[in-house]
Amino acid sequence: MAPHPSGLEVEYDEEAGSFNLEWDSKEHPEWNFLSDMSSEEFCKMLLNYCETLGPSTIKAEIQRRGQSGGTTESNGDSEPSP
């Protein structure tokens, strides 16, 4: 898989229920602030961003990724699954 143009690679470990973020700190220093965040701070930032998107945008993205061969599933409700 080609690297993401932003330089930030995000992997979700379904078994562990965790995210892994990787980037080259010299090539993409814009992501270095993530190293200084606690898990709680990162979760809060992510939840705040999701709230700005709104449920319909999140649902559309989940469906788009599901159709493109991703493993994300939608439960068909108007709200995204937690």
PDB file of N, CA and C in Angstrom:
ATOM      1  N   MET A   1       0.843  -1.176   0.000  1.00  0.00           N
ATOM      2  CA  MET A   1       0.000   0.000   0.000  1.00  0.00           C
ATOM      3  C   MET A   1       0.895   1.249   0.000  1.00  0.00           C
ATOM      4  N   ALA A   2       0.542   2.214  -0.818  1.00  0.00           N
ATOM      5  CA  ALA A   2       1.300   3.463  -0.900  1.00  0.00           C
ATOM      6  C   ALA A   2       1.063   4.295   0.358  1.00  0.00           C
ATOM      7  N   PRO A   3       2.072   5.043   0.787  1.00  0.00           N
ATOM      8  CA  PRO A   3       1.890   5.894   1.967  1.00  0.00           C
ATOM      9  C   PRO A   3       0.840   6.976   1.701  1.00  0.00           C
ATOM     10  N   HIS A   4       0.154   7.380   2.750  1.00  0.00           N
ATOM     11  CA  HIS A   4      -0.833   8.443   2.625  1.00  0.00           C
ATOM     12  C   HIS A   4      -0.102   9.748   2.313  1.00  0.00           C
ATOM     13  N   PRO A   5      -0.658  10.592   1.447  1.00  0.00           N
ATOM     14  CA  PRO A   5       0.012  11.850   1.079  1.00  0.00           C
ATOM     15  C   PRO A   5       0.304  12.768   2.260  1.00  0.00           C
ATOM     16  N   SER A   6      -0.474  12.660   3.320  1.00  0.00           N
ATOM     17  CA  SER A   6      -0.260  13.512   4.487  1.00  0.00           C
ATOM     18  C   SER A   6       0.973  13.099   5.278  1.00  0.00           C
ATOM     19  N   GLY A   7       1.439  11.869   5.040  1.00  0.00           N
ATOM     20  CA  GLY A   7       2.570  11.352   5.804  1.00  0.00           C
ATOM     21  C   GLY A   7       2.165  10.652   7.080  1.00  0.00           C
ATOM     22  N   LEU A   8       0.876  10.698   7.436  1.00  0.00           N
ATOM     23  CA  LEU A   8       0.390  10.049   8.645  1.00  0.00           C
ATOM     24  C   LEU A   8      -0.279   8.734   8.269  1.00  0.00           C
ATOM     25  N   GLU A   9       0.222   7.663   8.826  1.00  0.00           N
ATOM     26  CA  GLU A   9      -0.351   6.342   8.601  1.00  0.00           C
ATOM     27  C   GLU A   9      -1.113   5.939   9.861  1.00  0.00           C
ATOM     28  N   VAL A  10      -2.361   5.546   9.696  1.00  0.00           N
ATOM     29  CA  VAL A  10      -3.212   5.156  10.815  1.00  0.00           C
ATOM     30  C   VAL A  10      -3.649   3.715  10.607  1.00  0.00           C
ATOM     31  N   GLU A  11      -3.396   2.887  11.597  1.00  0.00           N
ATOM     32  CA  GLU A  11      -3.820   1.489  11.559  1.00  0.00           C
ATOM     33  C   GLU A  11      -4.691   1.229  12.774  1.00  0.00           C
ATOM     34  N   TYR A  12      -5.761   0.457  12.565  1.00  0.00           N
ATOM     35  CA  TYR A  12      -6.638   0.078  13.665  1.00  0.00           C
ATOM     36  C   TYR A  12      -6.465  -1.406  13.925  1.00  0.00           C
ATOM     37  N   ASP A  13      -6.134  -1.745  15.156  1.00  0.00           N
ATOM     38  CA  ASP A  13      -5.991  -3.134  15.575  1.00  0.00           C
ATOM     39  C   ASP A  13      -7.313  -3.554  16.212  1.00  0.00           C
ATOM     40  N   GLU A  14      -8.134  -4.282  15.441  1.00  0.00           N
ATOM     41  CA  GLU A  14      -9.456  -4.683  15.927  1.00  0.00           C
ATOM     42  C   GLU A  14      -9.371  -5.553  17.169  1.00  0.00           C
ATOM     43  N   GLU A  15      -8.404  -6.446  17.197  1.00  0.00           N
ATOM     44  CA  GLU A  15      -8.255  -7.353  18.337  1.00  0.00           C
ATOM     45  C   GLU A  15      -7.973  -6.596  19.629  1.00  0.00           C
ATOM     46  N   ALA A  16      -7.058  -5.635  19.556  1.00  0.00           N
ATOM     47  CA  ALA A  16      -6.683  -4.859  20.739  1.00  0.00           C
ATOM     48  C   ALA A  16      -7.619  -3.674  20.959  1.00  0.00           C
ATOM     49  N   GLY A  17      -8.358  -3.280  19.910  1.00  0.00           N
ATOM     50  CA  GLY A  17      -9.227  -2.109  20.016  1.00  0.00           C
ATOM     51  C   GLY A  17      -8.433  -0.828  20.131  1.00  0.00           C
ATOM     52  N   SER A  18      -7.312  -0.761  19.397  1.00  0.00           N
ATOM     53  CA  SER A  18      -6.459   0.419  19.508  1.00  0.00           C
ATOM     54  C   SER A  18      -6.002   0.897  18.131  1.00  0.00           C
ATOM     55  N   PHE A  19      -5.563   2.142  18.101  1.00  0.00           N
ATOM     56  CA  PHE A  19      -5.019   2.743  16.886  1.00  0.00           C
ATOM     57  C   PHE A  19      -3.506   2.829  16.998  1.00  0.00           C
ATOM     58  N   ASN A  20      -2.833   2.716  15.873  1.00  0.00           N
ATOM     59  CA  ASN A  20      -1.397   2.913  15.809  1.00  0.00           C
ATOM     60  C   ASN A  20      -1.152   4.005  14.773  1.00  0.00           C
ATOM     61  N   LEU A  21      -0.456   5.052  15.172  1.00  0.00           N
ATOM     62  CA  LEU A  21      -0.133   6.170  14.288  1.00  0.00           C
ATOM     63  C   LEU A  21       1.364   6.167  14.019  1.00  0.00           C
ATOM     64  N   GLU A  22       1.730   6.283  12.744  1.00  0.00           N
ATOM     65  CA  GLU A  22       3.142   6.314  12.380  1.00  0.00           C
ATOM     66  C   GLU A  22       3.395   7.430  11.379  1.00  0.00           C
ATOM     67  N   TRP A  23       4.547   8.079  11.522  1.00  0.00           N
ATOM     68  CA  TRP A  23       4.972   9.105  10.583  1.00  0.00           C
ATOM     69  C   TRP A  23       6.465   9.289  10.724  1.00  0.00           C
ATOM     70  N   ASP A  24       7.082   9.842   9.699  1.00  0.00           N
ATOM     71  CA  ASP A  24       8.503  10.159   9.733  1.00  0.00           C
ATOM     72  C   ASP A  24       8.632  11.555  10.335  1.00  0.00           C
ATOM     73  N   SER A  25       9.195  11.643  11.539  1.00  0.00           N
ATOM     74  CA  SER A  25       9.232  12.916  12.263  1.00  0.00           C
ATOM     75  C   SER A  25      10.091  13.982  11.579  1.00  0.00           C
ATOM     76  N   LYS A  26      11.048  13.565  10.768  1.00  0.00           N
ATOM     77  CA  LYS A  26      11.878  14.542  10.042  1.00  0.00           C
ATOM     78  C   LYS A  26      11.196  14.978   8.752  1.00  0.00           C
ATOM     79  N   GLU A  27      10.546  14.032   8.083  1.00  0.00           N
ATOM     80  CA  GLU A  27       9.869  14.316   6.810  1.00  0.00           C
ATOM     81  C   GLU A  27       8.531  15.039   7.026  1.00  0.00           C
ATOM     82  N   HIS A  28       7.848  14.703   8.118  1.00  0.00           N
ATOM     83  CA  HIS A  28       6.530  15.275   8.412  1.00  0.00           C
ATOM     84  C   HIS A  28       6.447  15.729   9.872  1.00  0.00           C
ATOM     85  N   PRO A  29       7.168  16.790  10.227  1.00  0.00           N
ATOM     86  CA  PRO A  29       7.164  17.258  11.625  1.00  0.00           C
ATOM     87  C   PRO A  29       5.813  17.803  12.088  1.00  0.00           C
ATOM     88  N   GLU A  30       4.908  18.040  11.137  1.00  0.00           N
ATOM     89  CA  GLU A  30       3.586  18.557  11.512  1.00  0.00           C
ATOM     90  C   GLU A  30       2.794  17.588  12.390  1.00  0.00           C
ATOM     91  N   TRP A  31       3.188  16.314  12.410  1.00  0.00           N
ATOM     92  CA  TRP A  31       2.498  15.319  13.233  1.00  0.00           C
ATOM     93  C   TRP A  31       3.181  15.090  14.577  1.00  0.00           C
ATOM     94  N   ASN A  32       4.297  15.718  14.831  1.00  0.00           N
ATOM     95  CA  ASN A  32       5.046  15.468  16.064  1.00  0.00           C
ATOM     96  C   ASN A  32       4.269  15.805  17.335  1.00  0.00           C
ATOM     97  N   PHE A  33       3.309  16.732  17.245  1.00  0.00           N
ATOM     98  CA  PHE A  33       2.521  17.075  18.424  1.00  0.00           C
ATOM     99  C   PHE A  33       1.764  15.867  18.981  1.00  0.00           C
ATOM    100  N   LEU A  34       1.492  14.883  18.123  1.00  0.00           N
ATOM    101  CA  LEU A  34       0.770  13.692  18.573  1.00  0.00           C
ATOM    102  C   LEU A  34       1.560  12.907  19.616  1.00  0.00           C
ATOM    103  N   SER A  35       2.870  12.980  19.537  1.00  0.00           N
ATOM    104  CA  SER A  35       3.715  12.265  20.509  1.00  0.00           C
ATOM    105  C   SER A  35       3.567  12.825  21.916  1.00  0.00           C
ATOM    106  N   ASP A  36       3.174  14.096  22.013  1.00  0.00           N
ATOM    107  CA  ASP A  36       3.045  14.743  23.314  1.00  0.00           C
ATOM    108  C   ASP A  36       1.670  14.573  23.941  1.00  0.00           C
ATOM    109  N   MET A  37       0.747  13.957  23.210  1.00  0.00           N
ATOM    110  CA  MET A  37      -0.618  13.810  23.702  1.00  0.00           C
ATOM    111  C   MET A  37      -0.791  12.493  24.461  1.00  0.00           C
ATOM    112  N   SER A  38      -1.606  12.558  25.505  1.00  0.00           N
ATOM    113  CA  SER A  38      -1.987  11.324  26.203  1.00  0.00           C
ATOM    114  C   SER A  38      -3.098  10.651  25.401  1.00  0.00           C
ATOM    115  N   SER A  39      -3.396   9.419  25.728  1.00  0.00           N
ATOM    116  CA  SER A  39      -4.505   8.712  25.068  1.00  0.00           C
ATOM    117  C   SER A  39      -5.812   9.463  25.256  1.00  0.00           C
ATOM    118  N   GLU A  40      -6.015   9.982  26.458  1.00  0.00           N
ATOM    119  CA  GLU A  40      -7.240  10.718  26.749  1.00  0.00           C
ATOM    120  C   GLU A  40      -7.327  11.987  25.908  1.00  0.00           C
ATOM    121  N   GLU A  41      -6.224  12.709  25.780  1.00  0.00           N
ATOM    122  CA  GLU A  41      -6.211  13.934  24.969  1.00  0.00           C
ATOM    123  C   GLU A  41      -6.482  13.622  23.497  1.00  0.00           C
ATOM    124  N   PHE A  42      -5.880  12.540  23.009  1.00  0.00           N
ATOM    125  CA  PHE A  42      -6.087  12.163  21.618  1.00  0.00           C
ATOM    126  C   PHE A  42      -7.547  11.781  21.380  1.00  0.00           C
ATOM    127  N   CYS A  43      -8.121  10.990  22.279  1.00  0.00           N
ATOM    128  CA  CYS A  43      -9.524  10.587  22.140  1.00  0.00           C
ATOM    129  C   CYS A  43     -10.441  11.804  22.149  1.00  0.00           C
ATOM    130  N   LYS A  44     -10.171  12.740  23.033  1.00  0.00           N
ATOM    131  CA  LYS A  44     -10.990  13.960  23.103  1.00  0.00           C
ATOM    132  C   LYS A  44     -10.888  14.741  21.793  1.00  0.00           C
ATOM    133  N   MET A  45      -9.679  14.877  21.259  1.00  0.00           N
ATOM    134  CA  MET A  45      -9.488  15.582  20.002  1.00  0.00           C
ATOM    135  C   MET A  45     -10.253  14.884  18.875  1.00  0.00           C
ATOM    136  N   LEU A  46     -10.164  13.570  18.819  1.00  0.00           N
ATOM    137  CA  LEU A  46     -10.844  12.799  17.783  1.00  0.00           C
ATOM    138  C   LEU A  46     -12.368  12.916  17.900  1.00  0.00           C
ATOM    139  N   LEU A  47     -12.880  12.820  19.106  1.00  0.00           N
ATOM    140  CA  LEU A  47     -14.324  12.953  19.319  1.00  0.00           C
ATOM    141  C   LEU A  47     -14.815  14.349  18.960  1.00  0.00           C
ATOM    142  N   ASN A  48     -14.053  15.370  19.324  1.00  0.00           N
ATOM    143  CA  ASN A  48     -14.426  16.741  18.967  1.00  0.00           C
ATOM    144  C   ASN A  48     -14.485  16.912  17.454  1.00  0.00           C
ATOM    145  N   TYR A  49     -13.532  16.338  16.753  1.00  0.00           N
ATOM    146  CA  TYR A  49     -13.527  16.425  15.296  1.00  0.00           C
ATOM    147  C   TYR A  49     -14.740  15.701  14.705  1.00  0.00           C
ATOM    148  N   CYS A  50     -15.043  14.527  15.229  1.00  0.00           N
ATOM    149  CA  CYS A  50     -16.205  13.773  14.743  1.00  0.00           C
ATOM    150  C   CYS A  50     -17.492  14.563  14.957  1.00  0.00           C
ATOM    151  N   GLU A  51     -17.589  15.265  16.067  1.00  0.00           N
ATOM    152  CA  GLU A  51     -18.773  16.083  16.332  1.00  0.00           C
ATOM    153  C   GLU A  51     -18.909  17.207  15.314  1.00  0.00           C
ATOM    154  N   THR A  52     -17.794  17.760  14.854  1.00  0.00           N
ATOM    155  CA  THR A  52     -17.872  18.833  13.854  1.00  0.00           C
ATOM    156  C   THR A  52     -18.315  18.290  12.501  1.00  0.00           C
ATOM    157  N   LEU A  53     -18.020  17.019  12.220  1.00  0.00           N
ATOM    158  CA  LEU A  53     -18.427  16.415  10.957  1.00  0.00           C
ATOM    159  C   LEU A  53     -19.926  16.147  10.923  1.00  0.00           C
ATOM    160  N   GLY A  54     -20.461  15.676  12.017  1.00  0.00           N
ATOM    161  CA  GLY A  54     -21.873  15.330  12.084  1.00  0.00           C
ATOM    162  C   GLY A  54     -22.113  13.891  11.675  1.00  0.00           C
ATOM    163  N   PRO A  55     -23.204  13.312  12.162  1.00  0.00           N
ATOM    164  CA  PRO A  55     -23.502  11.899  11.921  1.00  0.00           C
ATOM    165  C   PRO A  55     -23.643  11.525  10.449  1.00  0.00           C
ATOM    166  N   SER A  56     -24.258  12.391   9.634  1.00  0.00           N
ATOM    167  CA  SER A  56     -24.470  12.026   8.225  1.00  0.00           C
ATOM    168  C   SER A  56     -23.155  11.938   7.469  1.00  0.00           C
ATOM    169  N   THR A  57     -22.214  12.812   7.766  1.00  0.00           N
ATOM    170  CA  THR A  57     -20.898  12.764   7.116  1.00  0.00           C
ATOM    171  C   THR A  57     -20.135  11.522   7.535  1.00  0.00           C
ATOM    172  N   ILE A  58     -20.194  11.201   8.814  1.00  0.00           N
ATOM    173  CA  ILE A  58     -19.491  10.012   9.321  1.00  0.00           C
ATOM    174  C   ILE A  58     -20.093   8.751   8.709  1.00  0.00           C
ATOM    175  N   LYS A  59     -21.421   8.666   8.678  1.00  0.00           N
ATOM    176  CA  LYS A  59     -22.080   7.497   8.107  1.00  0.00           C
ATOM    177  C   LYS A  59     -21.726   7.341   6.627  1.00  0.00           C
ATOM    178  N   ALA A  60     -21.722   8.451   5.879  1.00  0.00           N
ATOM    179  CA  ALA A  60     -21.382   8.397   4.453  1.00  0.00           C
ATOM    180  C   ALA A  60     -19.956   7.900   4.259  1.00  0.00           C
ATOM    181  N   GLU A  61     -19.034   8.323   5.111  1.00  0.00           N
ATOM    182  CA  GLU A  61     -17.639   7.884   4.997  1.00  0.00           C
ATOM    183  C   GLU A  61     -17.504   6.409   5.345  1.00  0.00           C
ATOM    184  N   ILE A  62     -18.226   5.955   6.352  1.00  0.00           N
ATOM    185  CA  ILE A  62     -18.195   4.535   6.721  1.00  0.00           C
ATOM    186  C   ILE A  62     -18.722   3.692   5.566  1.00  0.00           C
ATOM    187  N   GLN A  63     -19.812   4.133   4.964  1.00  0.00           N
ATOM    188  CA  GLN A  63     -20.386   3.393   3.843  1.00  0.00           C
ATOM    189  C   GLN A  63     -19.443   3.408   2.644  1.00  0.00           C
ATOM    190  N   ARG A  64     -18.818   4.548   2.376  1.00  0.00           N
ATOM    191  CA  ARG A  64     -17.886   4.640   1.252  1.00  0.00           C
ATOM    192  C   ARG A  64     -16.730   3.678   1.438  1.00  0.00           C
ATOM    193  N   ARG A  65     -16.175   3.646   2.638  1.00  0.00           N
ATOM    194  CA  ARG A  65     -15.052   2.752   2.903  1.00  0.00           C
ATOM    195  C   ARG A  65     -15.479   1.294   2.841  1.00  0.00           C
ATOM    196  N   GLY A  66     -16.683   0.991   3.279  1.00  0.00           N
ATOM    197  CA  GLY A  66     -17.192  -0.368   3.206  1.00  0.00           C
ATOM    198  C   GLY A  66     -17.349  -0.835   1.771  1.00  0.00           C
ATOM    199  N   GLN A  67     -17.775   0.060   0.890  1.00  0.00           N
ATOM    200  CA  GLN A  67     -17.952  -0.273  -0.517  1.00  0.00           C
ATOM    201  C   GLN A  67     -16.632  -0.408  -1.244  1.00  0.00           C
ATOM    202  N   SER A  68     -15.584   0.212  -0.710  1.00  0.00           N
ATOM    203  CA  SER A  68     -14.289   0.150  -1.385  1.00  0.00           C
ATOM    204  C   SER A  68     -13.445  -1.027  -0.906  1.00  0.00           C
ATOM    205  N   GLY A  69     -14.076  -1.971  -0.223  1.00  0.00           N
ATOM    206  CA  GLY A  69     -13.361  -3.169   0.193  1.00  0.00           C
ATOM    207  C   GLY A  69     -12.794  -3.105   1.585  1.00  0.00           C
ATOM    208  N   GLY A  70     -13.102  -2.028   2.353  1.00  0.00           N
ATOM    209  CA  GLY A  70     -12.624  -1.923   3.721  1.00  0.00           C
ATOM    210  C   GLY A  70     -13.387  -2.863   4.631  1.00  0.00           C
ATOM    211  N   THR A  71     -12.961  -2.955   5.870  1.00  0.00           N
ATOM    212  CA  THR A  71     -13.608  -3.862   6.804  1.00  0.00           C
ATOM    213  C   THR A  71     -14.611  -3.160   7.696  1.00  0.00           C
ATOM    214  N   THR A  72     -14.758  -1.828   7.540  1.00  0.00           N
ATOM    215  CA  THR A  72     -15.689  -1.081   8.363  1.00  0.00           C
ATOM    216  C   THR A  72     -17.114  -1.395   7.946  1.00  0.00           C
ATOM    217  N   GLU A  73     -17.989  -1.609   8.926  1.00  0.00           N
ATOM    218  CA  GLU A  73     -19.378  -1.933   8.639  1.00  0.00           C
ATOM    219  C   GLU A  73     -20.283  -0.871   9.221  1.00  0.00           C
ATOM    220  N   SER A  74     -21.429  -0.682   8.603  1.00  0.00           N
ATOM    221  CA  SER A  74     -22.461   0.218   9.124  1.00  0.00           C
ATOM    222  C   SER A  74     -23.598  -0.634   9.625  1.00  0.00           C
ATOM    223  N   ASN A  75     -24.234  -0.208  10.731  1.00  0.00           N
ATOM    224  CA  ASN A  75     -25.354  -0.978  11.261  1.00  0.00           C
ATOM    225  C   ASN A  75     -26.682  -0.529  10.665  1.00  0.00           C
ATOM    226  N   GLY A  76     -26.674   0.451   9.757  1.00  0.00           N
ATOM    227  CA  GLY A  76     -27.868   0.914   9.095  1.00  0.00           C
ATOM    228  C   GLY A  76     -28.643   1.956   9.859  1.00  0.00           C
ATOM    229  N   ASP A  77     -28.239   2.289  11.071  1.00  0.00           N
ATOM    230  CA  ASP A  77     -28.906   3.339  11.852  1.00  0.00           C
ATOM    231  C   ASP A  77     -28.477   4.697  11.343  1.00  0.00           C
ATOM    232  N   SER A  78     -29.171   5.746  11.806  1.00  0.00           N
ATOM    233  CA  SER A  78     -28.806   7.088  11.388  1.00  0.00           C
ATOM    234  C   SER A  78     -27.570   7.592  12.107  1.00  0.00           C
ATOM    235  N   GLU A  79     -27.191   6.958  13.193  1.00  0.00           N
ATOM    236  CA  GLU A  79     -25.995   7.345  13.943  1.00  0.00           C
ATOM    237  C   GLU A  79     -24.904   6.292  13.735  1.00  0.00           C
ATOM    238  N   PRO A  80     -23.641   6.697  13.683  1.00  0.00           N
ATOM    239  CA  PRO A  80     -22.561   5.708  13.566  1.00  0.00           C
ATOM    240  C   PRO A  80     -22.462   4.860  14.812  1.00  0.00           C
ATOM    241  N   SER A  81     -22.043   3.628  14.649  1.00  0.00           N
ATOM    242  CA  SER A  81     -21.854   2.727  15.779  1.00  0.00           C
ATOM    243  C   SER A  81     -20.654   3.175  16.595  1.00  0.00           C
ATOM    244  N   PRO A  82     -20.723   3.038  17.917  1.00  0.00           N
ATOM    245  CA  PRO A  82     -19.568   3.430  18.755  1.00  0.00           C
ATOM    246  C   PRO A  82     -18.402   2.504  18.549  1.00  0.00           C
TER     247      PRO A  82
END
